[in-house]
């Protein structure tokens, strides 16, 4: 694996479709990025996803894994993955940003891209959370 730069062009917080798309766009133009991935996703309960070209009715987990594999293969040394969440983002001293991850490590970047997605707030109805994403859908 390539050495991480001391200052990234961008720090991408979130590794869902938006964060991975941002990483791809940055890699294509040879910009360095660190992508922070907690491994927690809104569609985790779903067995398959829809409305993504070439990936309809396939596993969301497999989709993310394939995206990350391709980014690592094509943009090794440019796109880096941190398997951790972010605990803080602060303005630095030179028009940059300092991100502290959940382990306490600091990362410096020229830009920050927030791609954290959403977290559903489910009603307090017995059994609702158990069937969310399997029999109750947000995306019909």
N, C-alpha and C. Protein backbone atom coordinates (compact mmCIF):
# COMPACT_ATOMS: atom_id res chain seq x y z
N UNK A 1 0.83 -1.18 0.00
CA UNK A 1 0.00 0.00 0.00
C UNK A 1 0.88 1.24 0.00
N UNK A 2 0.44 2.26 -0.71
CA UNK A 2 1.20 3.50 -0.83
C UNK A 2 1.17 4.29 0.47
N UNK A 3 2.19 5.10 0.65
CA UNK A 3 2.27 5.97 1.83
C UNK A 3 1.23 7.07 1.74
N UNK A 4 0.61 7.39 2.87
CA UNK A 4 -0.38 8.47 2.91
C UNK A 4 0.32 9.82 2.84
N UNK A 5 -0.26 10.76 2.09
CA UNK A 5 0.32 12.10 2.09
C UNK A 5 0.09 12.79 3.43
N UNK A 6 0.88 13.80 3.74
CA UNK A 6 0.68 14.52 4.99
C UNK A 6 -0.52 15.47 4.91
N UNK A 7 -0.79 15.97 3.70
CA UNK A 7 -1.97 16.81 3.47
C UNK A 7 -2.70 16.26 2.25
N UNK A 8 -3.96 15.91 2.45
CA UNK A 8 -4.79 15.39 1.36
C UNK A 8 -5.47 16.55 0.63
N UNK A 9 -5.78 16.33 -0.63
CA UNK A 9 -6.58 17.32 -1.34
C UNK A 9 -7.99 17.37 -0.77
N UNK A 10 -8.53 16.22 -0.37
CA UNK A 10 -9.88 16.17 0.21
C UNK A 10 -9.97 15.06 1.25
N UNK A 11 -10.78 15.32 2.26
CA UNK A 11 -11.13 14.33 3.27
C UNK A 11 -12.61 14.04 3.08
N UNK A 12 -12.94 12.81 2.72
CA UNK A 12 -14.31 12.42 2.41
C UNK A 12 -14.87 11.67 3.60
N UNK A 13 -15.87 12.25 4.23
CA UNK A 13 -16.47 11.63 5.41
C UNK A 13 -17.73 10.90 4.98
N UNK A 14 -17.61 9.58 4.87
CA UNK A 14 -18.70 8.72 4.43
C UNK A 14 -18.30 7.90 3.22
N UNK A 15 -18.64 6.61 3.26
CA UNK A 15 -18.25 5.71 2.17
C UNK A 15 -19.45 4.99 1.57
N UNK A 16 -20.57 5.69 1.54
CA UNK A 16 -21.73 5.19 0.82
C UNK A 16 -21.61 5.62 -0.64
N UNK A 17 -22.70 5.55 -1.41
CA UNK A 17 -22.63 5.92 -2.82
C UNK A 17 -22.09 7.34 -3.07
N UNK A 18 -22.48 8.31 -2.27
CA UNK A 18 -22.01 9.69 -2.48
C UNK A 18 -20.51 9.82 -2.19
N UNK A 19 -20.06 9.27 -1.08
CA UNK A 19 -18.65 9.35 -0.73
C UNK A 19 -17.77 8.60 -1.71
N UNK A 20 -18.22 7.43 -2.14
CA UNK A 20 -17.44 6.65 -3.10
C UNK A 20 -17.41 7.33 -4.46
N UNK A 21 -18.52 7.97 -4.86
CA UNK A 21 -18.54 8.73 -6.11
C UNK A 21 -17.58 9.91 -6.04
N UNK A 22 -17.56 10.59 -4.90
CA UNK A 22 -16.62 11.70 -4.72
C UNK A 22 -15.18 11.20 -4.82
N UNK A 23 -14.89 10.08 -4.18
CA UNK A 23 -13.54 9.50 -4.23
C UNK A 23 -13.15 9.15 -5.67
N UNK A 24 -14.09 8.59 -6.42
CA UNK A 24 -13.82 8.25 -7.81
C UNK A 24 -13.51 9.50 -8.62
N UNK A 25 -14.32 10.54 -8.45
CA UNK A 25 -14.09 11.78 -9.19
C UNK A 25 -12.74 12.39 -8.84
N UNK A 26 -12.38 12.37 -7.57
CA UNK A 26 -11.08 12.90 -7.14
C UNK A 26 -9.93 12.07 -7.71
N UNK A 27 -10.06 10.76 -7.66
CA UNK A 27 -9.02 9.89 -8.20
C UNK A 27 -8.81 10.09 -9.69
N UNK A 28 -9.90 10.30 -10.42
CA UNK A 28 -9.81 10.49 -11.87
C UNK A 28 -9.00 11.71 -12.25
N UNK A 29 -9.00 12.72 -11.39
CA UNK A 29 -8.24 13.94 -11.69
C UNK A 29 -6.97 14.03 -10.84
N UNK A 30 -6.55 12.86 -10.34
CA UNK A 30 -5.29 12.73 -9.60
C UNK A 30 -5.22 13.62 -8.36
N UNK A 31 -6.33 13.71 -7.65
CA UNK A 31 -6.37 14.42 -6.37
C UNK A 31 -6.36 13.39 -5.25
N UNK A 32 -5.60 13.63 -4.22
CA UNK A 32 -5.53 12.68 -3.11
C UNK A 32 -6.74 12.85 -2.19
N UNK A 33 -7.18 11.74 -1.65
CA UNK A 33 -8.32 11.77 -0.73
C UNK A 33 -8.20 10.66 0.29
N UNK A 34 -8.69 10.95 1.48
CA UNK A 34 -8.88 9.93 2.51
C UNK A 34 -10.38 9.79 2.68
N UNK A 35 -10.86 8.55 2.63
CA UNK A 35 -12.29 8.26 2.77
C UNK A 35 -12.49 7.58 4.11
N UNK A 36 -13.35 8.15 4.93
CA UNK A 36 -13.63 7.61 6.27
C UNK A 36 -14.89 6.76 6.21
N UNK A 37 -14.77 5.51 6.65
CA UNK A 37 -15.83 4.52 6.51
C UNK A 37 -16.10 3.84 7.85
N UNK A 38 -17.28 4.08 8.41
CA UNK A 38 -17.65 3.43 9.67
C UNK A 38 -18.18 2.02 9.45
N UNK A 39 -18.58 1.71 8.22
CA UNK A 39 -19.19 0.41 7.94
C UNK A 39 -20.65 0.34 8.35
N UNK A 40 -21.23 1.47 8.74
CA UNK A 40 -22.65 1.52 9.14
C UNK A 40 -23.41 2.23 8.02
N UNK A 41 -24.42 1.55 7.47
CA UNK A 41 -25.15 2.11 6.34
C UNK A 41 -26.65 2.00 6.52
N UNK A 42 -27.35 2.96 5.98
CA UNK A 42 -28.81 3.02 6.08
C UNK A 42 -29.46 1.77 5.49
N UNK A 43 -28.93 1.29 4.38
CA UNK A 43 -29.58 0.16 3.70
C UNK A 43 -29.04 -1.20 4.15
N UNK A 44 -28.37 -1.25 5.28
CA UNK A 44 -27.82 -2.52 5.78
C UNK A 44 -28.87 -3.62 5.93
N UNK A 45 -30.11 -3.31 6.37
CA UNK A 45 -31.09 -4.39 6.51
C UNK A 45 -31.58 -4.96 5.17
N UNK A 46 -31.38 -4.23 4.09
CA UNK A 46 -31.90 -4.66 2.78
C UNK A 46 -31.02 -5.77 2.19
N UNK A 47 -31.67 -6.76 1.61
CA UNK A 47 -30.94 -7.85 0.96
C UNK A 47 -30.44 -7.46 -0.42
N UNK A 48 -31.12 -6.51 -1.05
CA UNK A 48 -30.71 -6.06 -2.38
C UNK A 48 -31.13 -4.61 -2.58
N UNK A 49 -30.52 -3.97 -3.57
CA UNK A 49 -30.79 -2.56 -3.85
C UNK A 49 -31.35 -2.41 -5.26
N UNK A 50 -31.90 -1.24 -5.52
CA UNK A 50 -32.51 -0.96 -6.82
C UNK A 50 -32.08 0.42 -7.31
N UNK A 51 -32.37 0.69 -8.55
CA UNK A 51 -32.15 1.98 -9.24
C UNK A 51 -30.69 2.39 -9.36
N UNK A 52 -29.78 1.46 -9.29
CA UNK A 52 -28.37 1.72 -9.56
C UNK A 52 -28.03 0.95 -10.83
N UNK A 53 -27.73 1.64 -11.93
CA UNK A 53 -27.46 0.95 -13.18
C UNK A 53 -26.40 -0.14 -13.01
N UNK A 54 -26.62 -1.25 -13.62
CA UNK A 54 -25.81 -2.48 -13.61
C UNK A 54 -25.78 -3.18 -12.26
N UNK A 55 -26.47 -2.66 -11.27
CA UNK A 55 -26.43 -3.27 -9.95
C UNK A 55 -27.82 -3.49 -9.38
N UNK A 56 -28.85 -3.43 -10.20
CA UNK A 56 -30.22 -3.60 -9.72
C UNK A 56 -30.42 -5.00 -9.14
N UNK A 57 -31.08 -5.05 -8.01
CA UNK A 57 -31.45 -6.29 -7.32
C UNK A 57 -30.23 -7.08 -6.83
N UNK A 58 -29.17 -6.36 -6.49
CA UNK A 58 -27.98 -7.00 -5.94
C UNK A 58 -27.69 -6.44 -4.54
N UNK A 59 -26.80 -7.07 -3.85
CA UNK A 59 -26.47 -6.73 -2.47
C UNK A 59 -25.82 -5.35 -2.33
N UNK A 60 -26.34 -4.50 -1.41
CA UNK A 60 -25.68 -3.21 -1.18
C UNK A 60 -24.27 -3.37 -0.60
N UNK A 61 -24.07 -4.36 0.23
CA UNK A 61 -22.74 -4.61 0.79
C UNK A 61 -21.76 -4.99 -0.31
N UNK A 62 -22.19 -5.87 -1.22
CA UNK A 62 -21.32 -6.27 -2.33
C UNK A 62 -21.01 -5.08 -3.23
N UNK A 63 -21.98 -4.19 -3.40
CA UNK A 63 -21.77 -2.98 -4.21
C UNK A 63 -20.65 -2.12 -3.60
N UNK A 64 -20.75 -1.84 -2.31
CA UNK A 64 -19.74 -1.02 -1.65
C UNK A 64 -18.37 -1.70 -1.71
N UNK A 65 -18.34 -3.01 -1.47
CA UNK A 65 -17.07 -3.74 -1.52
C UNK A 65 -16.44 -3.67 -2.91
N UNK A 66 -17.26 -3.82 -3.95
CA UNK A 66 -16.76 -3.76 -5.32
C UNK A 66 -16.23 -2.36 -5.64
N UNK A 67 -16.96 -1.33 -5.22
CA UNK A 67 -16.50 0.05 -5.44
C UNK A 67 -15.14 0.28 -4.78
N UNK A 68 -15.01 -0.14 -3.54
CA UNK A 68 -13.76 0.07 -2.80
C UNK A 68 -12.62 -0.72 -3.45
N UNK A 69 -12.89 -1.95 -3.87
CA UNK A 69 -11.88 -2.76 -4.55
C UNK A 69 -11.39 -2.06 -5.81
N UNK A 70 -12.32 -1.56 -6.62
CA UNK A 70 -11.94 -0.88 -7.86
C UNK A 70 -11.17 0.41 -7.58
N UNK A 71 -11.60 1.18 -6.59
CA UNK A 71 -10.88 2.40 -6.25
C UNK A 71 -9.46 2.09 -5.79
N UNK A 72 -9.31 1.06 -4.99
CA UNK A 72 -7.97 0.67 -4.51
C UNK A 72 -7.09 0.21 -5.67
N UNK A 73 -7.66 -0.55 -6.60
CA UNK A 73 -6.88 -1.05 -7.73
C UNK A 73 -6.46 0.08 -8.67
N UNK A 74 -7.38 0.97 -8.96
CA UNK A 74 -7.11 2.00 -9.97
C UNK A 74 -6.41 3.23 -9.42
N UNK A 75 -6.64 3.53 -8.15
CA UNK A 75 -6.13 4.79 -7.60
C UNK A 75 -5.32 4.57 -6.34
N UNK A 76 -4.59 3.46 -6.28
CA UNK A 76 -3.71 3.18 -5.15
C UNK A 76 -2.65 4.28 -5.07
N UNK A 77 -2.50 4.86 -3.91
CA UNK A 77 -1.58 5.97 -3.75
C UNK A 77 -2.26 7.32 -3.85
N UNK A 78 -3.47 7.32 -4.40
CA UNK A 78 -4.23 8.56 -4.54
C UNK A 78 -5.42 8.57 -3.57
N UNK A 79 -6.17 7.47 -3.56
CA UNK A 79 -7.33 7.33 -2.68
C UNK A 79 -6.96 6.38 -1.55
N UNK A 80 -7.16 6.82 -0.32
CA UNK A 80 -6.85 6.03 0.87
C UNK A 80 -8.13 5.83 1.67
N UNK A 81 -8.26 4.68 2.30
CA UNK A 81 -9.44 4.37 3.11
C UNK A 81 -9.06 4.24 4.57
N UNK A 82 -9.84 4.89 5.41
CA UNK A 82 -9.68 4.79 6.86
C UNK A 82 -10.94 4.12 7.39
N UNK A 83 -10.80 2.93 7.93
CA UNK A 83 -11.96 2.18 8.43
C UNK A 83 -12.31 2.64 9.83
N UNK A 84 -12.74 3.88 9.91
CA UNK A 84 -13.08 4.50 11.19
C UNK A 84 -14.00 5.67 10.92
N UNK A 85 -14.70 6.07 11.95
CA UNK A 85 -15.52 7.27 11.87
C UNK A 85 -14.70 8.50 12.22
N UNK A 86 -15.36 9.63 12.16
CA UNK A 86 -14.74 10.92 12.46
C UNK A 86 -15.37 11.48 13.72
N UNK A 87 -14.54 11.96 14.63
CA UNK A 87 -15.08 12.54 15.86
C UNK A 87 -15.11 14.07 15.83
N UNK A 88 -14.26 14.70 15.00
CA UNK A 88 -14.32 16.16 14.90
C UNK A 88 -13.69 16.65 13.60
N UNK A 89 -14.18 17.82 13.16
CA UNK A 89 -13.62 18.53 12.01
C UNK A 89 -13.41 19.97 12.46
N UNK A 90 -12.19 20.47 12.27
CA UNK A 90 -11.88 21.85 12.69
C UNK A 90 -11.13 22.56 11.58
N UNK A 91 -11.30 23.86 11.53
CA UNK A 91 -10.52 24.67 10.60
C UNK A 91 -9.07 24.66 11.05
N UNK A 92 -8.17 24.49 10.09
CA UNK A 92 -6.75 24.53 10.40
C UNK A 92 -6.22 25.96 10.36
N UNK A 93 -4.93 26.10 10.26
CA UNK A 93 -4.31 27.43 10.27
C UNK A 93 -3.97 27.94 8.87
N UNK A 94 -3.92 27.09 7.88
CA UNK A 94 -3.51 27.49 6.53
C UNK A 94 -4.61 27.21 5.51
N UNK A 95 -5.83 27.63 5.78
CA UNK A 95 -6.97 27.37 4.89
C UNK A 95 -7.16 25.88 4.65
N UNK A 96 -6.85 25.08 5.65
CA UNK A 96 -7.05 23.64 5.55
C UNK A 96 -7.97 23.19 6.69
N UNK A 97 -8.20 21.90 6.75
CA UNK A 97 -9.08 21.33 7.77
C UNK A 97 -8.36 20.19 8.48
N UNK A 98 -8.64 20.07 9.76
CA UNK A 98 -8.07 18.99 10.56
C UNK A 98 -9.23 18.10 10.99
N UNK A 99 -9.14 16.84 10.61
CA UNK A 99 -10.14 15.84 11.00
C UNK A 99 -9.49 14.92 12.02
N UNK A 100 -10.20 14.67 13.09
CA UNK A 100 -9.75 13.70 14.08
C UNK A 100 -10.66 12.49 13.97
N UNK A 101 -10.05 11.31 13.76
CA UNK A 101 -10.87 10.11 13.64
C UNK A 101 -11.17 9.54 15.02
N UNK A 102 -11.97 8.49 15.06
CA UNK A 102 -12.42 7.92 16.33
C UNK A 102 -11.29 7.33 17.17
N UNK A 103 -10.15 7.05 16.55
CA UNK A 103 -9.01 6.53 17.32
C UNK A 103 -8.10 7.65 17.84
N UNK A 104 -8.41 8.90 17.45
CA UNK A 104 -7.60 10.03 17.89
C UNK A 104 -6.57 10.49 16.88
N UNK A 105 -6.43 9.78 15.77
CA UNK A 105 -5.48 10.17 14.73
C UNK A 105 -6.01 11.41 14.01
N UNK A 106 -5.10 12.34 13.68
CA UNK A 106 -5.51 13.54 12.94
C UNK A 106 -5.09 13.43 11.48
N UNK A 107 -5.94 14.01 10.64
CA UNK A 107 -5.75 14.02 9.19
C UNK A 107 -5.92 15.46 8.73
N UNK A 108 -5.11 15.90 7.78
CA UNK A 108 -5.21 17.26 7.27
C UNK A 108 -5.61 17.22 5.81
N UNK A 109 -6.55 18.09 5.44
CA UNK A 109 -7.00 18.16 4.06
C UNK A 109 -7.31 19.58 3.64
N UNK A 110 -7.20 19.82 2.34
CA UNK A 110 -7.52 21.14 1.80
C UNK A 110 -9.02 21.38 1.75
N UNK A 111 -9.78 20.31 1.58
CA UNK A 111 -11.25 20.38 1.52
C UNK A 111 -11.82 19.22 2.32
N UNK A 112 -13.08 19.38 2.74
CA UNK A 112 -13.82 18.31 3.41
C UNK A 112 -15.11 18.09 2.63
N UNK A 113 -15.40 16.85 2.33
CA UNK A 113 -16.66 16.48 1.69
C UNK A 113 -17.47 15.68 2.69
N UNK A 114 -18.63 16.21 3.06
CA UNK A 114 -19.52 15.49 3.98
C UNK A 114 -20.47 14.63 3.15
N UNK A 115 -20.32 13.33 3.27
CA UNK A 115 -21.14 12.37 2.54
C UNK A 115 -21.66 11.33 3.52
N UNK A 116 -22.17 11.82 4.64
CA UNK A 116 -22.54 10.93 5.74
C UNK A 116 -23.91 10.29 5.57
N UNK A 117 -24.67 10.71 4.57
CA UNK A 117 -25.98 10.12 4.36
C UNK A 117 -26.96 10.54 5.44
N UNK A 118 -27.95 9.70 5.66
CA UNK A 118 -28.99 10.01 6.64
C UNK A 118 -29.16 8.83 7.58
N UNK A 119 -29.77 9.10 8.69
CA UNK A 119 -30.13 8.04 9.63
C UNK A 119 -31.63 8.14 9.84
N UNK A 120 -32.32 7.06 9.57
CA UNK A 120 -33.77 7.05 9.72
C UNK A 120 -34.16 7.09 11.19
N UNK A 121 -35.17 7.87 11.49
CA UNK A 121 -35.76 7.89 12.82
C UNK A 121 -37.08 7.13 12.70
N UNK A 122 -37.08 5.92 13.20
CA UNK A 122 -38.25 5.05 13.05
C UNK A 122 -39.26 5.31 14.15
N UNK A 123 -40.54 5.15 13.82
CA UNK A 123 -41.57 5.35 14.85
C UNK A 123 -41.47 4.27 15.93
N UNK A 124 -41.91 4.61 17.10
CA UNK A 124 -41.88 3.68 18.23
C UNK A 124 -43.09 2.75 18.15
N UNK A 125 -43.05 1.85 17.16
CA UNK A 125 -44.11 0.88 16.93
C UNK A 125 -43.49 -0.51 17.07
N UNK A 126 -44.07 -1.32 17.90
CA UNK A 126 -43.52 -2.65 18.16
C UNK A 126 -43.34 -3.42 16.84
N UNK A 127 -42.13 -3.93 16.64
CA UNK A 127 -41.81 -4.74 15.46
C UNK A 127 -41.40 -3.95 14.23
N UNK A 128 -41.59 -2.64 14.24
CA UNK A 128 -41.30 -1.81 13.06
C UNK A 128 -39.83 -1.91 12.65
N UNK A 129 -38.93 -1.72 13.59
CA UNK A 129 -37.49 -1.75 13.28
C UNK A 129 -37.06 -3.12 12.76
N UNK A 130 -37.69 -4.17 13.25
CA UNK A 130 -37.34 -5.53 12.83
C UNK A 130 -37.63 -5.77 11.35
N UNK A 131 -38.68 -5.16 10.82
CA UNK A 131 -39.05 -5.40 9.42
C UNK A 131 -38.62 -4.26 8.50
N UNK A 132 -38.02 -3.20 9.07
CA UNK A 132 -37.55 -2.07 8.27
C UNK A 132 -36.48 -2.55 7.27
N UNK A 133 -36.69 -2.21 6.01
CA UNK A 133 -35.75 -2.61 4.96
C UNK A 133 -36.00 -3.99 4.41
N UNK A 134 -36.93 -4.73 5.01
CA UNK A 134 -37.28 -6.06 4.51
C UNK A 134 -38.73 -6.10 4.03
N UNK A 135 -39.63 -5.51 4.81
CA UNK A 135 -41.05 -5.48 4.43
C UNK A 135 -41.62 -4.07 4.45
N UNK A 136 -40.92 -3.14 5.05
CA UNK A 136 -41.28 -1.73 5.03
C UNK A 136 -40.14 -1.02 4.31
N UNK A 137 -40.48 -0.27 3.25
CA UNK A 137 -39.46 0.33 2.40
C UNK A 137 -39.61 1.84 2.33
N UNK A 138 -38.51 2.54 2.27
CA UNK A 138 -38.52 3.99 2.14
C UNK A 138 -38.40 4.42 0.69
N UNK A 139 -38.13 3.51 -0.22
CA UNK A 139 -37.73 3.89 -1.58
C UNK A 139 -38.69 3.42 -2.67
N UNK A 140 -39.97 3.33 -2.38
CA UNK A 140 -40.90 2.85 -3.40
C UNK A 140 -41.25 3.89 -4.42
